[in-house]
Amino acid sequence: MIRDTIRKAVIYCRVSSTAQTKRGDGLGSQETRCREYARIRRYEVVQVFTDDLSGGAADRPGVKAMLAFLK
């Protein structure tokens, strides 16, 4: 019997403003799509990180938390 290897993944979702967190294309929608992708590819999602800041901002708390988690 071949045993499936469970691969682990993290999800990072970002929107540019706090207002976008509540819209249909906001953080929840992004997370749902990422989780579906992970499920299809047989990844176990171990953590989700989010930011509601512009992508131009280099000092995003969600990115920092994700990098610390991955270390």
N, C-alpha and C. Protein backbone atom coordinates (compact mmCIF):
# COMPACT_ATOMS: atom_id res chain seq x y z
N MET A 1 0.83 -1.18 0.00
CA MET A 1 0.00 0.00 0.00
C MET A 1 0.89 1.25 0.00
N ILE A 2 0.57 2.18 -0.85
CA ILE A 2 1.30 3.44 -0.91
C ILE A 2 0.61 4.43 0.03
N ARG A 3 1.40 5.00 0.89
CA ARG A 3 0.86 5.96 1.84
C ARG A 3 1.00 7.37 1.28
N ASP A 4 -0.10 8.13 1.29
CA ASP A 4 -0.05 9.52 0.83
C ASP A 4 0.72 10.38 1.82
N THR A 5 1.58 11.20 1.31
CA THR A 5 2.31 12.14 2.14
C THR A 5 1.47 13.39 2.29
N ILE A 6 1.27 13.81 3.52
CA ILE A 6 0.51 15.04 3.75
C ILE A 6 1.49 16.20 3.73
N ARG A 7 1.26 17.08 2.80
CA ARG A 7 2.10 18.27 2.69
C ARG A 7 1.41 19.41 3.42
N LYS A 8 2.20 20.22 4.07
CA LYS A 8 1.65 21.33 4.85
C LYS A 8 1.81 22.63 4.09
N ALA A 9 0.87 23.55 4.35
CA ALA A 9 0.88 24.83 3.66
C ALA A 9 0.40 25.92 4.60
N VAL A 10 0.81 27.14 4.32
CA VAL A 10 0.25 28.32 4.96
C VAL A 10 -0.45 29.13 3.88
N ILE A 11 -1.39 29.93 4.31
CA ILE A 11 -2.12 30.81 3.40
C ILE A 11 -1.84 32.25 3.81
N TYR A 12 -1.59 33.08 2.82
CA TYR A 12 -1.43 34.52 3.06
C TYR A 12 -2.45 35.25 2.20
N CYS A 13 -3.30 36.03 2.83
CA CYS A 13 -4.32 36.82 2.13
C CYS A 13 -4.08 38.29 2.44
N ARG A 14 -4.27 39.13 1.42
CA ARG A 14 -4.06 40.56 1.62
C ARG A 14 -5.05 41.36 0.80
N VAL A 15 -5.56 42.40 1.40
CA VAL A 15 -6.33 43.41 0.70
C VAL A 15 -5.68 44.76 0.98
N SER A 16 -6.03 45.74 0.18
CA SER A 16 -5.35 47.04 0.29
C SER A 16 -5.93 47.95 1.36
N SER A 17 -7.14 47.67 1.82
CA SER A 17 -7.74 48.56 2.82
C SER A 17 -8.66 47.76 3.74
N THR A 18 -8.95 48.34 4.89
CA THR A 18 -9.84 47.69 5.85
C THR A 18 -11.22 47.50 5.25
N ALA A 19 -11.69 48.45 4.44
CA ALA A 19 -13.02 48.35 3.82
C ALA A 19 -13.13 47.09 2.96
N GLN A 20 -12.06 46.70 2.32
CA GLN A 20 -12.09 45.53 1.46
C GLN A 20 -12.21 44.22 2.22
N THR A 21 -11.99 44.23 3.52
CA THR A 21 -12.09 43.00 4.29
C THR A 21 -13.52 42.47 4.32
N LYS A 22 -14.50 43.31 4.04
CA LYS A 22 -15.90 42.92 4.13
C LYS A 22 -16.55 42.67 2.77
N ARG A 23 -15.90 43.01 1.69
CA ARG A 23 -16.48 42.83 0.35
C ARG A 23 -16.34 41.38 -0.10
N GLY A 24 -17.07 41.05 -1.14
CA GLY A 24 -17.08 39.69 -1.68
C GLY A 24 -15.72 39.21 -2.16
N ASP A 25 -14.85 40.12 -2.54
CA ASP A 25 -13.52 39.73 -3.01
C ASP A 25 -12.47 39.98 -1.93
N GLY A 26 -12.92 40.02 -0.70
CA GLY A 26 -12.04 40.34 0.41
C GLY A 26 -11.28 39.15 0.96
N LEU A 27 -10.86 39.28 2.19
CA LEU A 27 -10.02 38.27 2.82
C LEU A 27 -10.70 36.90 2.90
N GLY A 28 -11.97 36.90 3.26
CA GLY A 28 -12.69 35.63 3.38
C GLY A 28 -12.76 34.89 2.06
N SER A 29 -13.01 35.61 1.00
CA SER A 29 -13.08 35.01 -0.33
C SER A 29 -11.72 34.45 -0.74
N GLN A 30 -10.67 35.20 -0.48
CA GLN A 30 -9.32 34.74 -0.82
C GLN A 30 -8.97 33.47 -0.04
N GLU A 31 -9.30 33.48 1.25
CA GLU A 31 -8.99 32.31 2.07
C GLU A 31 -9.77 31.08 1.57
N THR A 32 -11.03 31.27 1.24
CA THR A 32 -11.84 30.17 0.73
C THR A 32 -11.23 29.57 -0.53
N ARG A 33 -10.82 30.42 -1.46
CA ARG A 33 -10.21 29.93 -2.71
C ARG A 33 -8.89 29.22 -2.43
N CYS A 34 -8.10 29.75 -1.53
CA CYS A 34 -6.81 29.12 -1.19
C CYS A 34 -7.03 27.77 -0.51
N ARG A 35 -8.00 27.70 0.37
CA ARG A 35 -8.29 26.43 1.05
C ARG A 35 -8.79 25.38 0.06
N GLU A 36 -9.59 25.79 -0.90
CA GLU A 36 -10.06 24.86 -1.91
C GLU A 36 -8.90 24.33 -2.75
N TYR A 37 -7.99 25.22 -3.13
CA TYR A 37 -6.80 24.82 -3.88
C TYR A 37 -5.99 23.81 -3.07
N ALA A 38 -5.80 24.11 -1.79
CA ALA A 38 -5.02 23.23 -0.91
C ALA A 38 -5.71 21.87 -0.78
N ARG A 39 -7.02 21.86 -0.64
CA ARG A 39 -7.75 20.60 -0.51
C ARG A 39 -7.59 19.74 -1.76
N ILE A 40 -7.74 20.36 -2.92
CA ILE A 40 -7.61 19.62 -4.18
C ILE A 40 -6.21 19.05 -4.34
N ARG A 41 -5.21 19.79 -3.91
CA ARG A 41 -3.82 19.37 -4.05
C ARG A 41 -3.31 18.55 -2.86
N ARG A 42 -4.21 18.31 -1.91
CA ARG A 42 -3.90 17.53 -0.71
C ARG A 42 -2.86 18.17 0.20
N TYR A 43 -3.01 19.46 0.39
CA TYR A 43 -2.19 20.18 1.36
C TYR A 43 -3.00 20.32 2.64
N GLU A 44 -2.32 20.23 3.77
CA GLU A 44 -2.95 20.53 5.05
C GLU A 44 -2.62 21.98 5.40
N VAL A 45 -3.63 22.82 5.51
CA VAL A 45 -3.42 24.23 5.86
C VAL A 45 -3.20 24.30 7.37
N VAL A 46 -2.03 24.76 7.76
CA VAL A 46 -1.70 24.80 9.18
C VAL A 46 -1.85 26.19 9.80
N GLN A 47 -1.88 27.22 8.96
CA GLN A 47 -2.01 28.57 9.49
C GLN A 47 -2.44 29.52 8.37
N VAL A 48 -3.20 30.55 8.73
CA VAL A 48 -3.62 31.58 7.77
C VAL A 48 -3.15 32.92 8.30
N PHE A 49 -2.55 33.71 7.43
CA PHE A 49 -2.05 35.04 7.78
C PHE A 49 -2.74 36.06 6.88
N THR A 50 -3.05 37.22 7.44
CA THR A 50 -3.76 38.24 6.67
C THR A 50 -3.17 39.62 6.92
N ASP A 51 -3.39 40.48 5.95
CA ASP A 51 -3.07 41.90 6.06
C ASP A 51 -4.15 42.71 5.36
N ASP A 52 -4.41 43.90 5.87
CA ASP A 52 -5.32 44.82 5.19
C ASP A 52 -4.59 46.14 4.93
N LEU A 53 -3.41 45.99 4.34
CA LEU A 53 -2.55 47.12 4.00
C LEU A 53 -2.15 47.04 2.54
N SER A 54 -1.76 48.15 1.99
CA SER A 54 -1.30 48.19 0.61
C SER A 54 -0.10 47.26 0.41
N GLY A 55 -0.05 46.63 -0.75
CA GLY A 55 1.08 45.78 -1.09
C GLY A 55 2.38 46.55 -1.18
N GLY A 56 2.29 47.87 -1.33
CA GLY A 56 3.48 48.71 -1.40
C GLY A 56 4.13 48.92 -0.03
N ALA A 57 3.38 48.61 1.02
CA ALA A 57 3.93 48.76 2.37
C ALA A 57 4.84 47.57 2.66
N ALA A 58 6.07 47.84 2.98
CA ALA A 58 7.04 46.76 3.23
C ALA A 58 6.90 46.17 4.63
N ASP A 59 6.31 46.91 5.53
CA ASP A 59 6.25 46.51 6.94
C ASP A 59 4.85 45.99 7.28
N ARG A 60 4.46 44.85 6.68
CA ARG A 60 3.12 44.30 6.89
C ARG A 60 3.17 43.25 8.02
N PRO A 61 2.33 43.42 9.04
CA PRO A 61 2.35 42.51 10.18
C PRO A 61 2.07 41.05 9.80
N GLY A 62 1.16 40.82 8.87
CA GLY A 62 0.85 39.45 8.46
C GLY A 62 2.04 38.76 7.82
N VAL A 63 2.78 39.48 6.99
CA VAL A 63 3.98 38.91 6.35
C VAL A 63 5.03 38.60 7.41
N LYS A 64 5.21 39.53 8.35
CA LYS A 64 6.20 39.30 9.41
C LYS A 64 5.82 38.07 10.24
N ALA A 65 4.55 37.95 10.59
CA ALA A 65 4.10 36.80 11.38
C ALA A 65 4.28 35.50 10.60
N MET A 66 3.99 35.53 9.31
CA MET A 66 4.15 34.33 8.48
C MET A 66 5.62 33.92 8.41
N LEU A 67 6.50 34.86 8.19
CA LEU A 67 7.93 34.54 8.10
C LEU A 67 8.45 33.99 9.43
N ALA A 68 7.99 34.58 10.54
CA ALA A 68 8.40 34.07 11.86
C ALA A 68 7.88 32.65 12.06
N PHE A 69 6.66 32.39 11.66
CA PHE A 69 6.08 31.05 11.79
C PHE A 69 6.87 30.04 10.96
N LEU A 70 7.26 30.43 9.77
CA LEU A 70 7.97 29.51 8.88
C LEU A 70 9.39 29.21 9.36
N LYS A 71 9.98 30.14 10.11
CA LYS A 71 11.33 29.89 10.63
C LYS A 71 11.26 28.83 11.68
